[in-house]
Amino acid sequence: MAEETILEFETYMFGLKGNKEGFLKIPTEHYELTNERLKINKQGVLSKTLKDIELYKIKDIQVTQKLKDKVLGVGDIEIVDADNNKTNLNRIKEPHEIREKIRSAAKAAREAEGVSYRVDL
């Protein structure tokens, strides 16, 4: 099966979009959710970081919103993978909807790969 994009989103910077041209660049974090992985592209003023999280490895997803974030409709999403690595997606618009889309895609990817996690109670 070919990799298909499900959703693209980025860090919410008070309505400002990242500028890829010009002298002054606004730091951005761009995310692409596919049916296989979450691609993270962090573009700073002087640096660029690319990271992928395989969806079948996602174990837990948590949304955190402070009062001011709730007013703005943004929040932080923390993703924990099977190796207990944590990845934070900061200042995401509509974080609960994004979390549900990532969770659904991760569940489908685990089923496609035949992966399951045992929880010790």
PDB file of N, CA and C in Angstrom:
ATOM      1  N   MET A   1       0.838  -1.177   0.000  1.00  0.00           N
ATOM      2  CA  MET A   1       0.000   0.000   0.000  1.00  0.00           C
ATOM      3  C   MET A   1       0.889   1.249   0.000  1.00  0.00           C
ATOM      4  N   ALA A   2       0.555   2.211  -0.798  1.00  0.00           N
ATOM      5  CA  ALA A   2       1.347   3.437  -0.909  1.00  0.00           C
ATOM      6  C   ALA A   2       1.053   4.366   0.268  1.00  0.00           C
ATOM      7  N   GLU A   3       2.062   5.135   0.626  1.00  0.00           N
ATOM      8  CA  GLU A   3       1.905   6.098   1.719  1.00  0.00           C
ATOM      9  C   GLU A   3       1.042   7.262   1.247  1.00  0.00           C
ATOM     10  N   GLU A   4       0.009   7.580   2.032  1.00  0.00           N
ATOM     11  CA  GLU A   4      -0.920   8.655   1.685  1.00  0.00           C
ATOM     12  C   GLU A   4      -1.013   9.658   2.823  1.00  0.00           C
ATOM     13  N   THR A   5      -1.089  10.929   2.484  1.00  0.00           N
ATOM     14  CA  THR A   5      -1.223  11.983   3.484  1.00  0.00           C
ATOM     15  C   THR A   5      -2.658  12.032   3.987  1.00  0.00           C
ATOM     16  N   ILE A   6      -2.815  12.008   5.308  1.00  0.00           N
ATOM     17  CA  ILE A   6      -4.127  12.104   5.943  1.00  0.00           C
ATOM     18  C   ILE A   6      -4.415  13.546   6.346  1.00  0.00           C
ATOM     19  N   LEU A   7      -3.382  14.225   6.889  1.00  0.00           N
ATOM     20  CA  LEU A   7      -3.575  15.557   7.457  1.00  0.00           C
ATOM     21  C   LEU A   7      -2.250  16.298   7.506  1.00  0.00           C
ATOM     22  N   GLU A   8      -2.283  17.601   7.273  1.00  0.00           N
ATOM     23  CA  GLU A   8      -1.114  18.468   7.453  1.00  0.00           C
ATOM     24  C   GLU A   8      -1.521  19.590   8.393  1.00  0.00           C
ATOM     25  N   PHE A   9      -0.645  19.921   9.348  1.00  0.00           N
ATOM     26  CA  PHE A   9      -0.908  20.999  10.292  1.00  0.00           C
ATOM     27  C   PHE A   9       0.423  21.554  10.771  1.00  0.00           C
ATOM     28  N   GLU A  10       0.377  22.688  11.471  1.00  0.00           N
ATOM     29  CA  GLU A  10       1.619  23.289  11.974  1.00  0.00           C
ATOM     30  C   GLU A  10       1.376  23.993  13.293  1.00  0.00           C
ATOM     31  N   THR A  11       2.466  24.393  13.922  1.00  0.00           N
ATOM     32  CA  THR A  11       2.398  25.127  15.176  1.00  0.00           C
ATOM     33  C   THR A  11       1.665  26.442  14.942  1.00  0.00           C
ATOM     34  N   TYR A  12       0.784  26.786  15.855  1.00  0.00           N
ATOM     35  CA  TYR A  12       0.028  28.026  15.768  1.00  0.00           C
ATOM     36  C   TYR A  12       0.824  29.141  16.428  1.00  0.00           C
ATOM     37  N   MET A  13       1.245  30.098  15.632  1.00  0.00           N
ATOM     38  CA  MET A  13       2.043  31.226  16.140  1.00  0.00           C
ATOM     39  C   MET A  13       1.234  32.518  16.040  1.00  0.00           C
ATOM     40  N   PHE A  14       0.118  32.580  16.798  1.00  0.00           N
ATOM     41  CA  PHE A  14      -0.720  33.788  16.840  1.00  0.00           C
ATOM     42  C   PHE A  14      -1.186  34.207  15.454  1.00  0.00           C
ATOM     43  N   GLY A  15      -1.479  33.250  14.589  1.00  0.00           N
ATOM     44  CA  GLY A  15      -1.985  33.546  13.253  1.00  0.00           C
ATOM     45  C   GLY A  15      -0.914  33.838  12.223  1.00  0.00           C
ATOM     46  N   LEU A  16       0.370  33.819  12.624  1.00  0.00           N
ATOM     47  CA  LEU A  16       1.451  34.096  11.681  1.00  0.00           C
ATOM     48  C   LEU A  16       1.882  32.820  10.984  1.00  0.00           C
ATOM     49  N   LYS A  17       2.048  32.868   9.690  1.00  0.00           N
ATOM     50  CA  LYS A  17       2.552  31.732   8.926  1.00  0.00           C
ATOM     51  C   LYS A  17       4.054  31.861   8.793  1.00  0.00           C
ATOM     52  N   GLY A  18       4.744  30.729   8.788  1.00  0.00           N
ATOM     53  CA  GLY A  18       6.189  30.732   8.600  1.00  0.00           C
ATOM     54  C   GLY A  18       6.553  31.285   7.229  1.00  0.00           C
ATOM     55  N   ASN A  19       7.614  32.066   7.164  1.00  0.00           N
ATOM     56  CA  ASN A  19       8.054  32.673   5.917  1.00  0.00           C
ATOM     57  C   ASN A  19       9.284  31.925   5.409  1.00  0.00           C
ATOM     58  N   LYS A  20       9.171  31.290   4.265  1.00  0.00           N
ATOM     59  CA  LYS A  20      10.295  30.523   3.732  1.00  0.00           C
ATOM     60  C   LYS A  20      11.244  31.385   2.905  1.00  0.00           C
ATOM     61  N   GLU A  21      10.834  32.598   2.612  1.00  0.00           N
ATOM     62  CA  GLU A  21      11.673  33.491   1.830  1.00  0.00           C
ATOM     63  C   GLU A  21      11.898  34.784   2.607  1.00  0.00           C
ATOM     64  N   GLY A  22      12.956  35.483   2.276  1.00  0.00           N
ATOM     65  CA  GLY A  22      13.231  36.750   2.938  1.00  0.00           C
ATOM     66  C   GLY A  22      14.282  36.608   4.018  1.00  0.00           C
ATOM     67  N   PHE A  23      14.680  37.721   4.558  1.00  0.00           N
ATOM     68  CA  PHE A  23      15.765  37.743   5.551  1.00  0.00           C
ATOM     69  C   PHE A  23      15.319  37.179   6.895  1.00  0.00           C
ATOM     70  N   LEU A  24      14.171  37.624   7.397  1.00  0.00           N
ATOM     71  CA  LEU A  24      13.692  37.188   8.701  1.00  0.00           C
ATOM     72  C   LEU A  24      12.738  36.019   8.530  1.00  0.00           C
ATOM     73  N   LYS A  25      13.071  34.900   9.144  1.00  0.00           N
ATOM     74  CA  LYS A  25      12.228  33.715   9.069  1.00  0.00           C
ATOM     75  C   LYS A  25      11.600  33.459  10.434  1.00  0.00           C
ATOM     76  N   ILE A  26      10.322  33.214  10.433  1.00  0.00           N
ATOM     77  CA  ILE A  26       9.624  32.876  11.668  1.00  0.00           C
ATOM     78  C   ILE A  26       9.813  31.379  11.896  1.00  0.00           C
ATOM     79  N   PRO A  27      10.315  30.964  13.055  1.00  0.00           N
ATOM     80  CA  PRO A  27      10.465  29.528  13.314  1.00  0.00           C
ATOM     81  C   PRO A  27       9.114  28.821  13.233  1.00  0.00           C
ATOM     82  N   THR A  28       9.081  27.680  12.554  1.00  0.00           N
ATOM     83  CA  THR A  28       7.842  26.927  12.397  1.00  0.00           C
ATOM     84  C   THR A  28       8.075  25.454  12.677  1.00  0.00           C
ATOM     85  N   GLU A  29       7.005  24.785  12.982  1.00  0.00           N
ATOM     86  CA  GLU A  29       6.992  23.343  13.093  1.00  0.00           C
ATOM     87  C   GLU A  29       5.838  22.874  12.211  1.00  0.00           C
ATOM     88  N   HIS A  30       6.172  22.125  11.172  1.00  0.00           N
ATOM     89  CA  HIS A  30       5.178  21.620  10.226  1.00  0.00           C
ATOM     90  C   HIS A  30       5.061  20.113  10.409  1.00  0.00           C
ATOM     91  N   TYR A  31       3.831  19.615  10.428  1.00  0.00           N
ATOM     92  CA  TYR A  31       3.577  18.199  10.650  1.00  0.00           C
ATOM     93  C   TYR A  31       2.760  17.635   9.492  1.00  0.00           C
ATOM     94  N   GLU A  32       3.103  16.408   9.098  1.00  0.00           N
ATOM     95  CA  GLU A  32       2.341  15.702   8.076  1.00  0.00           C
ATOM     96  C   GLU A  32       2.032  14.310   8.616  1.00  0.00           C
ATOM     97  N   LEU A  33       0.748  14.011   8.732  1.00  0.00           N
ATOM     98  CA  LEU A  33       0.295  12.704   9.189  1.00  0.00           C
ATOM     99  C   LEU A  33      -0.052  11.879   7.964  1.00  0.00           C
ATOM    100  N   THR A  34       0.635  10.744   7.801  1.00  0.00           N
ATOM    101  CA  THR A  34       0.327   9.835   6.700  1.00  0.00           C
ATOM    102  C   THR A  34      -0.247   8.550   7.292  1.00  0.00           C
ATOM    103  N   ASN A  35      -0.567   7.604   6.444  1.00  0.00           N
ATOM    104  CA  ASN A  35      -1.086   6.329   6.940  1.00  0.00           C
ATOM    105  C   ASN A  35       0.018   5.450   7.526  1.00  0.00           C
ATOM    106  N   GLU A  36       1.294   5.882   7.444  1.00  0.00           N
ATOM    107  CA  GLU A  36       2.413   5.110   7.973  1.00  0.00           C
ATOM    108  C   GLU A  36       3.185   5.805   9.090  1.00  0.00           C
ATOM    109  N   ARG A  37       3.251   7.146   9.059  1.00  0.00           N
ATOM    110  CA  ARG A  37       4.097   7.858  10.017  1.00  0.00           C
ATOM    111  C   ARG A  37       3.644   9.303  10.205  1.00  0.00           C
ATOM    112  N   LEU A  38       4.172   9.909  11.269  1.00  0.00           N
ATOM    113  CA  LEU A  38       3.997  11.338  11.508  1.00  0.00           C
ATOM    114  C   LEU A  38       5.335  11.987  11.186  1.00  0.00           C
ATOM    115  N   LYS A  39       5.347  12.861  10.186  1.00  0.00           N
ATOM    116  CA  LYS A  39       6.571  13.549   9.775  1.00  0.00           C
ATOM    117  C   LYS A  39       6.609  14.911  10.459  1.00  0.00           C
ATOM    118  N   ILE A  40       7.743  15.200  11.104  1.00  0.00           N
ATOM    119  CA  ILE A  40       7.913  16.458  11.833  1.00  0.00           C
ATOM    120  C   ILE A  40       9.049  17.243  11.195  1.00  0.00           C
ATOM    121  N   ASN A  41       8.758  18.465  10.771  1.00  0.00           N
ATOM    122  CA  ASN A  41       9.746  19.334  10.133  1.00  0.00           C
ATOM    123  C   ASN A  41       9.818  20.616  10.954  1.00  0.00           C
ATOM    124  N   LYS A  42      10.914  20.787  11.702  1.00  0.00           N
ATOM    125  CA  LYS A  42      11.109  21.993  12.510  1.00  0.00           C
ATOM    126  C   LYS A  42      12.106  22.891  11.807  1.00  0.00           C
ATOM    127  N   GLN A  43      11.646  24.084  11.441  1.00  0.00           N
ATOM    128  CA  GLN A  43      12.479  25.049  10.736  1.00  0.00           C
ATOM    129  C   GLN A  43      12.722  26.229  11.655  1.00  0.00           C
ATOM    130  N   GLY A  44      13.967  26.379  12.115  1.00  0.00           N
ATOM    131  CA  GLY A  44      14.331  27.508  12.959  1.00  0.00           C
ATOM    132  C   GLY A  44      14.971  28.604  12.123  1.00  0.00           C
ATOM    133  N   VAL A  45      15.471  29.628  12.782  1.00  0.00           N
ATOM    134  CA  VAL A  45      16.151  30.714  12.087  1.00  0.00           C
ATOM    135  C   VAL A  45      17.460  30.209  11.490  1.00  0.00           C
ATOM    136  N   LEU A  46      18.194  29.384  12.256  1.00  0.00           N
ATOM    137  CA  LEU A  46      19.493  28.893  11.792  1.00  0.00           C
ATOM    138  C   LEU A  46      19.553  27.379  11.599  1.00  0.00           C
ATOM    139  N   SER A  47      18.522  26.662  11.986  1.00  0.00           N
ATOM    140  CA  SER A  47      18.604  25.207  11.918  1.00  0.00           C
ATOM    141  C   SER A  47      17.331  24.604  11.337  1.00  0.00           C
ATOM    142  N   LYS A  48      17.436  23.332  10.965  1.00  0.00           N
ATOM    143  CA  LYS A  48      16.296  22.589  10.448  1.00  0.00           C
ATOM    144  C   LYS A  48      16.406  21.157  10.970  1.00  0.00           C
ATOM    145  N   THR A  49      15.306  20.619  11.476  1.00  0.00           N
ATOM    146  CA  THR A  49      15.283  19.267  12.012  1.00  0.00           C
ATOM    147  C   THR A  49      14.133  18.498  11.379  1.00  0.00           C
ATOM    148  N   LEU A  50      14.412  17.300  10.903  1.00  0.00           N
ATOM    149  CA  LEU A  50      13.385  16.414  10.363  1.00  0.00           C
ATOM    150  C   LEU A  50      13.322  15.163  11.227  1.00  0.00           C
ATOM    151  N   LYS A  51      12.114  14.726  11.544  1.00  0.00           N
ATOM    152  CA  LYS A  51      11.939  13.544  12.382  1.00  0.00           C
ATOM    153  C   LYS A  51      10.679  12.816  11.933  1.00  0.00           C
ATOM    154  N   ASP A  52      10.722  11.488  11.990  1.00  0.00           N
ATOM    155  CA  ASP A  52       9.558  10.669  11.675  1.00  0.00           C
ATOM    156  C   ASP A  52       9.230   9.797  12.876  1.00  0.00           C
ATOM    157  N   ILE A  53       7.948   9.617  13.137  1.00  0.00           N
ATOM    158  CA  ILE A  53       7.489   8.662  14.139  1.00  0.00           C
ATOM    159  C   ILE A  53       6.617   7.650  13.401  1.00  0.00           C
ATOM    160  N   GLU A  54       7.021   6.391  13.428  1.00  0.00           N
ATOM    161  CA  GLU A  54       6.224   5.339  12.804  1.00  0.00           C
ATOM    162  C   GLU A  54       4.947   5.173  13.624  1.00  0.00           C
ATOM    163  N   LEU A  55       3.797   5.209  12.961  1.00  0.00           N
ATOM    164  CA  LEU A  55       2.526   5.181  13.674  1.00  0.00           C
ATOM    165  C   LEU A  55       2.311   3.906  14.474  1.00  0.00           C
ATOM    166  N   TYR A  56       2.773   2.779  13.967  1.00  0.00           N
ATOM    167  CA  TYR A  56       2.545   1.531  14.689  1.00  0.00           C
ATOM    168  C   TYR A  56       3.294   1.495  16.023  1.00  0.00           C
ATOM    169  N   LYS A  57       4.265   2.402  16.222  1.00  0.00           N
ATOM    170  CA  LYS A  57       5.026   2.459  17.475  1.00  0.00           C
ATOM    171  C   LYS A  57       4.395   3.378  18.522  1.00  0.00           C
ATOM    172  N   ILE A  58       3.396   4.162  18.146  1.00  0.00           N
ATOM    173  CA  ILE A  58       2.782   5.100  19.092  1.00  0.00           C
ATOM    174  C   ILE A  58       2.003   4.325  20.146  1.00  0.00           C
ATOM    175  N   LYS A  59       2.332   4.608  21.410  1.00  0.00           N
ATOM    176  CA  LYS A  59       1.729   3.905  22.536  1.00  0.00           C
ATOM    177  C   LYS A  59       0.728   4.783  23.285  1.00  0.00           C
ATOM    178  N   ASP A  60       1.009   6.085  23.383  1.00  0.00           N
ATOM    179  CA  ASP A  60       0.150   6.966  24.168  1.00  0.00           C
ATOM    180  C   ASP A  60       0.181   8.373  23.586  1.00  0.00           C
ATOM    181  N   ILE A  61      -0.963   9.061  23.663  1.00  0.00           N
ATOM    182  CA  ILE A  61      -1.073  10.440  23.183  1.00  0.00           C
ATOM    183  C   ILE A  61      -1.832  11.231  24.244  1.00  0.00           C
ATOM    184  N   GLN A  62      -1.287  12.383  24.627  1.00  0.00           N
ATOM    185  CA  GLN A  62      -1.894  13.203  25.674  1.00  0.00           C
ATOM    186  C   GLN A  62      -1.958  14.654  25.226  1.00  0.00           C
ATOM    187  N   VAL A  63      -3.068  15.327  25.520  1.00  0.00           N
ATOM    188  CA  VAL A  63      -3.232  16.750  25.217  1.00  0.00           C
ATOM    189  C   VAL A  63      -3.194  17.533  26.512  1.00  0.00           C
ATOM    190  N   THR A  64      -2.440  18.639  26.525  1.00  0.00           N
ATOM    191  CA  THR A  64      -2.375  19.538  27.672  1.00  0.00           C
ATOM    192  C   THR A  64      -2.775  20.934  27.209  1.00  0.00           C
ATOM    193  N   GLN A  65      -3.708  21.542  27.950  1.00  0.00           N
ATOM    194  CA  GLN A  65      -4.128  22.913  27.650  1.00  0.00           C
ATOM    195  C   GLN A  65      -4.187  23.707  28.944  1.00  0.00           C
ATOM    196  N   LYS A  66      -3.536  24.857  28.946  1.00  0.00           N
ATOM    197  CA  LYS A  66      -3.658  25.791  30.063  1.00  0.00           C
ATOM    198  C   LYS A  66      -4.837  26.705  29.759  1.00  0.00           C
ATOM    199  N   LEU A  67      -5.223  27.520  30.718  1.00  0.00           N
ATOM    200  CA  LEU A  67      -6.395  28.374  30.547  1.00  0.00           C
ATOM    201  C   LEU A  67      -6.268  29.278  29.325  1.00  0.00           C
ATOM    202  N   LYS A  68      -5.134  29.964  29.177  1.00  0.00           N
ATOM    203  CA  LYS A  68      -4.966  30.868  28.031  1.00  0.00           C
ATOM    204  C   LYS A  68      -4.971  30.095  26.714  1.00  0.00           C
ATOM    205  N   ASP A  69      -4.460  28.842  26.739  1.00  0.00           N
ATOM    206  CA  ASP A  69      -4.473  28.011  25.535  1.00  0.00           C
ATOM    207  C   ASP A  69      -5.905  27.629  25.159  1.00  0.00           C
ATOM    208  N   LYS A  70      -6.735  27.328  26.167  1.00  0.00           N
ATOM    209  CA  LYS A  70      -8.129  26.974  25.897  1.00  0.00           C
ATOM    210  C   LYS A  70      -8.865  28.135  25.243  1.00  0.00           C
ATOM    211  N   VAL A  71      -8.566  29.360  25.693  1.00  0.00           N
ATOM    212  CA  VAL A  71      -9.201  30.546  25.114  1.00  0.00           C
ATOM    213  C   VAL A  71      -8.816  30.689  23.645  1.00  0.00           C
ATOM    214  N   LEU A  72      -7.534  30.426  23.326  1.00  0.00           N
ATOM    215  CA  LEU A  72      -7.047  30.532  21.948  1.00  0.00           C
ATOM    216  C   LEU A  72      -7.367  29.295  21.106  1.00  0.00           C
ATOM    217  N   GLY A  73      -7.819  28.219  21.753  1.00  0.00           N
ATOM    218  CA  GLY A  73      -8.131  26.984  21.026  1.00  0.00           C
ATOM    219  C   GLY A  73      -6.896  26.207  20.611  1.00  0.00           C
ATOM    220  N   VAL A  74      -5.819  26.335  21.390  1.00  0.00           N
ATOM    221  CA  VAL A  74      -4.574  25.617  21.091  1.00  0.00           C
ATOM    222  C   VAL A  74      -4.195  24.746  22.279  1.00  0.00           C
ATOM    223  N   GLY A  75      -3.237  23.845  22.049  1.00  0.00           N
ATOM    224  CA  GLY A  75      -2.754  22.991  23.124  1.00  0.00           C
ATOM    225  C   GLY A  75      -1.514  22.241  22.682  1.00  0.00           C
ATOM    226  N   ASP A  76      -0.908  21.551  23.631  1.00  0.00           N
ATOM    227  CA  ASP A  76       0.283  20.754  23.360  1.00  0.00           C
ATOM    228  C   ASP A  76      -0.110  19.283  23.324  1.00  0.00           C
ATOM    229  N   ILE A  77       0.458  18.547  22.386  1.00  0.00           N
ATOM    230  CA  ILE A  77       0.214  17.115  22.268  1.00  0.00           C
ATOM    231  C   ILE A  77       1.520  16.394  22.558  1.00  0.00           C
ATOM    232  N   GLU A  78       1.486  15.460  23.507  1.00  0.00           N
ATOM    233  CA  GLU A  78       2.663  14.655  23.832  1.00  0.00           C
ATOM    234  C   GLU A  78       2.424  13.235  23.325  1.00  0.00           C
ATOM    235  N   ILE A  79       3.384  12.736  22.535  1.00  0.00           N
ATOM    236  CA  ILE A  79       3.301  11.388  21.979  1.00  0.00           C
ATOM    237  C   ILE A  79       4.395  10.537  22.607  1.00  0.00           C
ATOM    238  N   VAL A  80       4.009   9.376  23.119  1.00  0.00           N
ATOM    239  CA  VAL A  80       4.968   8.423  23.694  1.00  0.00           C
ATOM    240  C   VAL A  80       4.976   7.205  22.786  1.00  0.00           C
ATOM    241  N   ASP A  81       6.181   6.779  22.382  1.00  0.00           N
ATOM    242  CA  ASP A  81       6.272   5.613  21.497  1.00  0.00           C
ATOM    243  C   ASP A  81       6.634   4.357  22.284  1.00  0.00           C
ATOM    244  N   ALA A  82       6.761   3.254  21.587  1.00  0.00           N
ATOM    245  CA  ALA A  82       7.030   1.958  22.217  1.00  0.00           C
ATOM    246  C   ALA A  82       8.359   1.934  22.961  1.00  0.00           C
ATOM    247  N   ASP A  83       9.307   2.784  22.586  1.00  0.00           N
ATOM    248  CA  ASP A  83      10.604   2.866  23.253  1.00  0.00           C
ATOM    249  C   ASP A  83      10.593   3.877  24.401  1.00  0.00           C
ATOM    250  N   ASN A  84       9.397   4.381  24.746  1.00  0.00           N
ATOM    251  CA  ASN A  84       9.190   5.403  25.779  1.00  0.00           C
ATOM    252  C   ASN A  84       9.863   6.730  25.456  1.00  0.00           C
ATOM    253  N   ASN A  85      10.094   7.007  24.175  1.00  0.00           N
ATOM    254  CA  ASN A  85      10.550   8.330  23.742  1.00  0.00           C
ATOM    255  C   ASN A  85       9.339   9.246  23.692  1.00  0.00           C
ATOM    256  N   LYS A  86       9.526  10.491  24.171  1.00  0.00           N
ATOM    257  CA  LYS A  86       8.438  11.463  24.161  1.00  0.00           C
ATOM    258  C   LYS A  86       8.706  12.518  23.105  1.00  0.00           C
ATOM    259  N   THR A  87       7.666  12.857  22.354  1.00  0.00           N
ATOM    260  CA  THR A  87       7.737  13.911  21.352  1.00  0.00           C
ATOM    261  C   THR A  87       6.611  14.886  21.643  1.00  0.00           C
ATOM    262  N   ASN A  88       6.938  16.172  21.714  1.00  0.00           N
ATOM    263  CA  ASN A  88       5.942  17.199  21.975  1.00  0.00           C
ATOM    264  C   ASN A  88       5.636  17.994  20.717  1.00  0.00           C
ATOM    265  N   LEU A  89       4.353  18.133  20.436  1.00  0.00           N
ATOM    266  CA  LEU A  89       3.872  19.001  19.366  1.00  0.00           C
ATOM    267  C   LEU A  89       3.261  20.198  20.083  1.00  0.00           C
ATOM    268  N   ASN A  90       3.900  21.350  19.984  1.00  0.00           N
ATOM    269  CA  ASN A  90       3.514  22.519  20.779  1.00  0.00           C
ATOM    270  C   ASN A  90       2.622  23.476  20.005  1.00  0.00           C
ATOM    271  N   ARG A  91       1.673  24.070  20.758  1.00  0.00           N
ATOM    272  CA  ARG A  91       0.778  25.108  20.239  1.00  0.00           C
ATOM    273  C   ARG A  91       0.052  24.661  18.975  1.00  0.00           C
ATOM    274  N   ILE A  92      -0.670  23.558  19.093  1.00  0.00           N
ATOM    275  CA  ILE A  92      -1.423  22.994  17.974  1.00  0.00           C
ATOM    276  C   ILE A  92      -2.867  23.471  18.053  1.00  0.00           C
ATOM    277  N   LYS A  93      -3.369  24.006  16.942  1.00  0.00           N
ATOM    278  CA  LYS A  93      -4.758  24.454  16.863  1.00  0.00           C
ATOM    279  C   LYS A  93      -5.660  23.221  16.863  1.00  0.00           C
ATOM    280  N   GLU A  94      -6.757  23.269  17.621  1.00  0.00           N
ATOM    281  CA  GLU A  94      -7.714  22.164  17.762  1.00  0.00           C
ATOM    282  C   GLU A  94      -7.006  20.859  18.150  1.00  0.00           C
ATOM    283  N   PRO A  95      -6.298  20.844  19.288  1.00  0.00           N
ATOM    284  CA  PRO A  95      -5.464  19.691  19.653  1.00  0.00           C
ATOM    285  C   PRO A  95      -6.230  18.393  19.882  1.00  0.00           C
ATOM    286  N   HIS A  96      -7.469  18.477  20.367  1.00  0.00           N
ATOM    287  CA  HIS A  96      -8.222  17.247  20.636  1.00  0.00           C
ATOM    288  C   HIS A  96      -8.604  16.548  19.328  1.00  0.00           C
ATOM    289  N   GLU A  97      -8.963  17.327  18.312  1.00  0.00           N
ATOM    290  CA  GLU A  97      -9.284  16.744  17.004  1.00  0.00           C
ATOM    291  C   GLU A  97      -8.038  16.131  16.356  1.00  0.00           C
ATOM    292  N   ILE A  98      -6.916  16.826  16.452  1.00  0.00           N
ATOM    293  CA  ILE A  98      -5.654  16.315  15.896  1.00  0.00           C
ATOM    294  C   ILE A  98      -5.253  15.035  16.631  1.00  0.00           C
ATOM    295  N   ARG A  99      -5.386  15.023  17.957  1.00  0.00           N
ATOM    296  CA  ARG A  99      -5.059  13.841  18.747  1.00  0.00           C
ATOM    297  C   ARG A  99      -5.886  12.641  18.290  1.00  0.00           C
ATOM    298  N   GLU A 100      -7.187  12.842  18.065  1.00  0.00           N
ATOM    299  CA  GLU A 100      -8.050  11.747  17.632  1.00  0.00           C
ATOM    300  C   GLU A 100      -7.652  11.222  16.254  1.00  0.00           C
ATOM    301  N   LYS A 101      -7.258  12.118  15.360  1.00  0.00           N
ATOM    302  CA  LYS A 101      -6.828  11.682  14.023  1.00  0.00           C
ATOM    303  C   LYS A 101      -5.530  10.874  14.098  1.00  0.00           C
ATOM    304  N   ILE A 102      -4.604  11.321  14.938  1.00  0.00           N
ATOM    305  CA  ILE A 102      -3.350  10.572  15.120  1.00  0.00           C
ATOM    306  C   ILE A 102      -3.646   9.218  15.760  1.00  0.00           C
ATOM    307  N   ARG A 103      -4.508   9.195  16.778  1.00  0.00           N
ATOM    308  CA  ARG A 103      -4.857   7.951  17.460  1.00  0.00           C
ATOM    309  C   ARG A 103      -5.497   6.944  16.501  1.00  0.00           C
ATOM    310  N   SER A 104      -6.432   7.415  15.676  1.00  0.00           N
ATOM    311  CA  SER A 104      -7.094   6.530  14.712  1.00  0.00           C
ATOM    312  C   SER A 104      -6.112   5.987  13.682  1.00  0.00           C
ATOM    313  N   ALA A 105      -5.231   6.861  13.191  1.00  0.00           N
ATOM    314  CA  ALA A 105      -4.232   6.431  12.209  1.00  0.00           C
ATOM    315  C   ALA A 105      -3.247   5.445  12.825  1.00  0.00           C
ATOM    316  N   ALA A 106      -2.871   5.665  14.095  1.00  0.00           N
ATOM    317  CA  ALA A 106      -1.947   4.752  14.781  1.00  0.00           C
ATOM    318  C   ALA A 106      -2.599   3.389  14.991  1.00  0.00           C
ATOM    319  N   LYS A 107      -3.869   3.383  15.351  1.00  0.00           N
ATOM    320  CA  LYS A 107      -4.588   2.124  15.542  1.00  0.00           C
ATOM    321  C   LYS A 107      -4.657   1.336  14.230  1.00  0.00           C
ATOM    322  N   ALA A 108      -4.970   2.022  13.134  1.00  0.00           N
ATOM    323  CA  ALA A 108      -5.025   1.368  11.825  1.00  0.00           C
ATOM    324  C   ALA A 108      -3.655   0.836  11.411  1.00  0.00           C
ATOM    325  N   ALA A 109      -2.595   1.591  11.704  1.00  0.00           N
ATOM    326  CA  ALA A 109      -1.233   1.164  11.345  1.00  0.00           C
ATOM    327  C   ALA A 109      -0.823  -0.064  12.159  1.00  0.00           C
ATOM    328  N   ARG A 110      -1.190  -0.092  13.453  1.00  0.00           N
ATOM    329  CA  ARG A 110      -0.876  -1.268  14.284  1.00  0.00           C
ATOM    330  C   ARG A 110      -1.598  -2.503  13.765  1.00  0.00           C
ATOM    331  N   GLU A 111      -2.865  -2.347  13.387  1.00  0.00           N
ATOM    332  CA  GLU A 111      -3.628  -3.471  12.849  1.00  0.00           C
ATOM    333  C   GLU A 111      -3.031  -3.955  11.531  1.00  0.00           C
ATOM    334  N   ALA A 112      -2.607  -3.025  10.684  1.00  0.00           N
ATOM    335  CA  ALA A 112      -2.003  -3.390   9.394  1.00  0.00           C
ATOM    336  C   ALA A 112      -0.673  -4.120   9.592  1.00  0.00           C
ATOM    337  N   GLU A 113       0.075  -3.740  10.620  1.00  0.00           N
ATOM    338  CA  GLU A 113       1.379  -4.359  10.899  1.00  0.00           C
ATOM    339  C   GLU A 113       1.263  -5.599  11.788  1.00  0.00           C
ATOM    340  N   GLY A 114       0.082  -5.820  12.376  1.00  0.00           N
ATOM    341  CA  GLY A 114      -0.101  -6.944  13.275  1.00  0.00           C
ATOM    342  C   GLY A 114       0.588  -6.753  14.611  1.00  0.00           C
ATOM    343  N   VAL A 115       0.680  -5.488  15.071  1.00  0.00           N
ATOM    344  CA  VAL A 115       1.371  -5.155  16.315  1.00  0.00           C
ATOM    345  C   VAL A 115       0.335  -4.905  17.412  1.00  0.00           C
ATOM    346  N   SER A 116       0.617  -5.425  18.610  1.00  0.00           N
ATOM    347  CA  SER A 116      -0.225  -5.120  19.768  1.00  0.00           C
ATOM    348  C   SER A 116       0.685  -4.905  20.976  1.00  0.00           C
ATOM    349  N   TYR A 117       0.196  -4.129  21.941  1.00  0.00           N
ATOM    350  CA  TYR A 117       0.959  -3.847  23.151  1.00  0.00           C
ATOM    351  C   TYR A 117       0.243  -4.447  24.344  1.00  0.00           C
ATOM    352  N   ARG A 118       1.004  -5.090  25.205  1.00  0.00           N
ATOM    353  CA  ARG A 118       0.449  -5.669  26.419  1.00  0.00           C
ATOM    354  C   ARG A 118       0.589  -4.653  27.532  1.00  0.00           C
ATOM    355  N   VAL A 119      -0.463  -4.496  28.290  1.00  0.00           N
ATOM    356  CA  VAL A 119      -0.453  -3.551  29.405  1.00  0.00           C
ATOM    357  C   VAL A 119      -0.474  -4.357  30.695  1.00  0.00           C
ATOM    358  N   ASP A 120       0.494  -4.105  31.557  1.00  0.00           N
ATOM    359  CA  ASP A 120       0.531  -4.754  32.857  1.00  0.00           C
ATOM    360  C   ASP A 120      -0.270  -3.933  33.850  1.00  0.00           C
ATOM    361  N   LEU A 121      -1.237  -4.561  34.473  1.00  0.00           N
ATOM    362  CA  LEU A 121      -2.076  -3.860  35.455  1.00  0.00           C
ATOM    363  C   LEU A 121      -1.673  -4.219  36.840  1.00  0.00           C
TER     364      LEU A 121
END
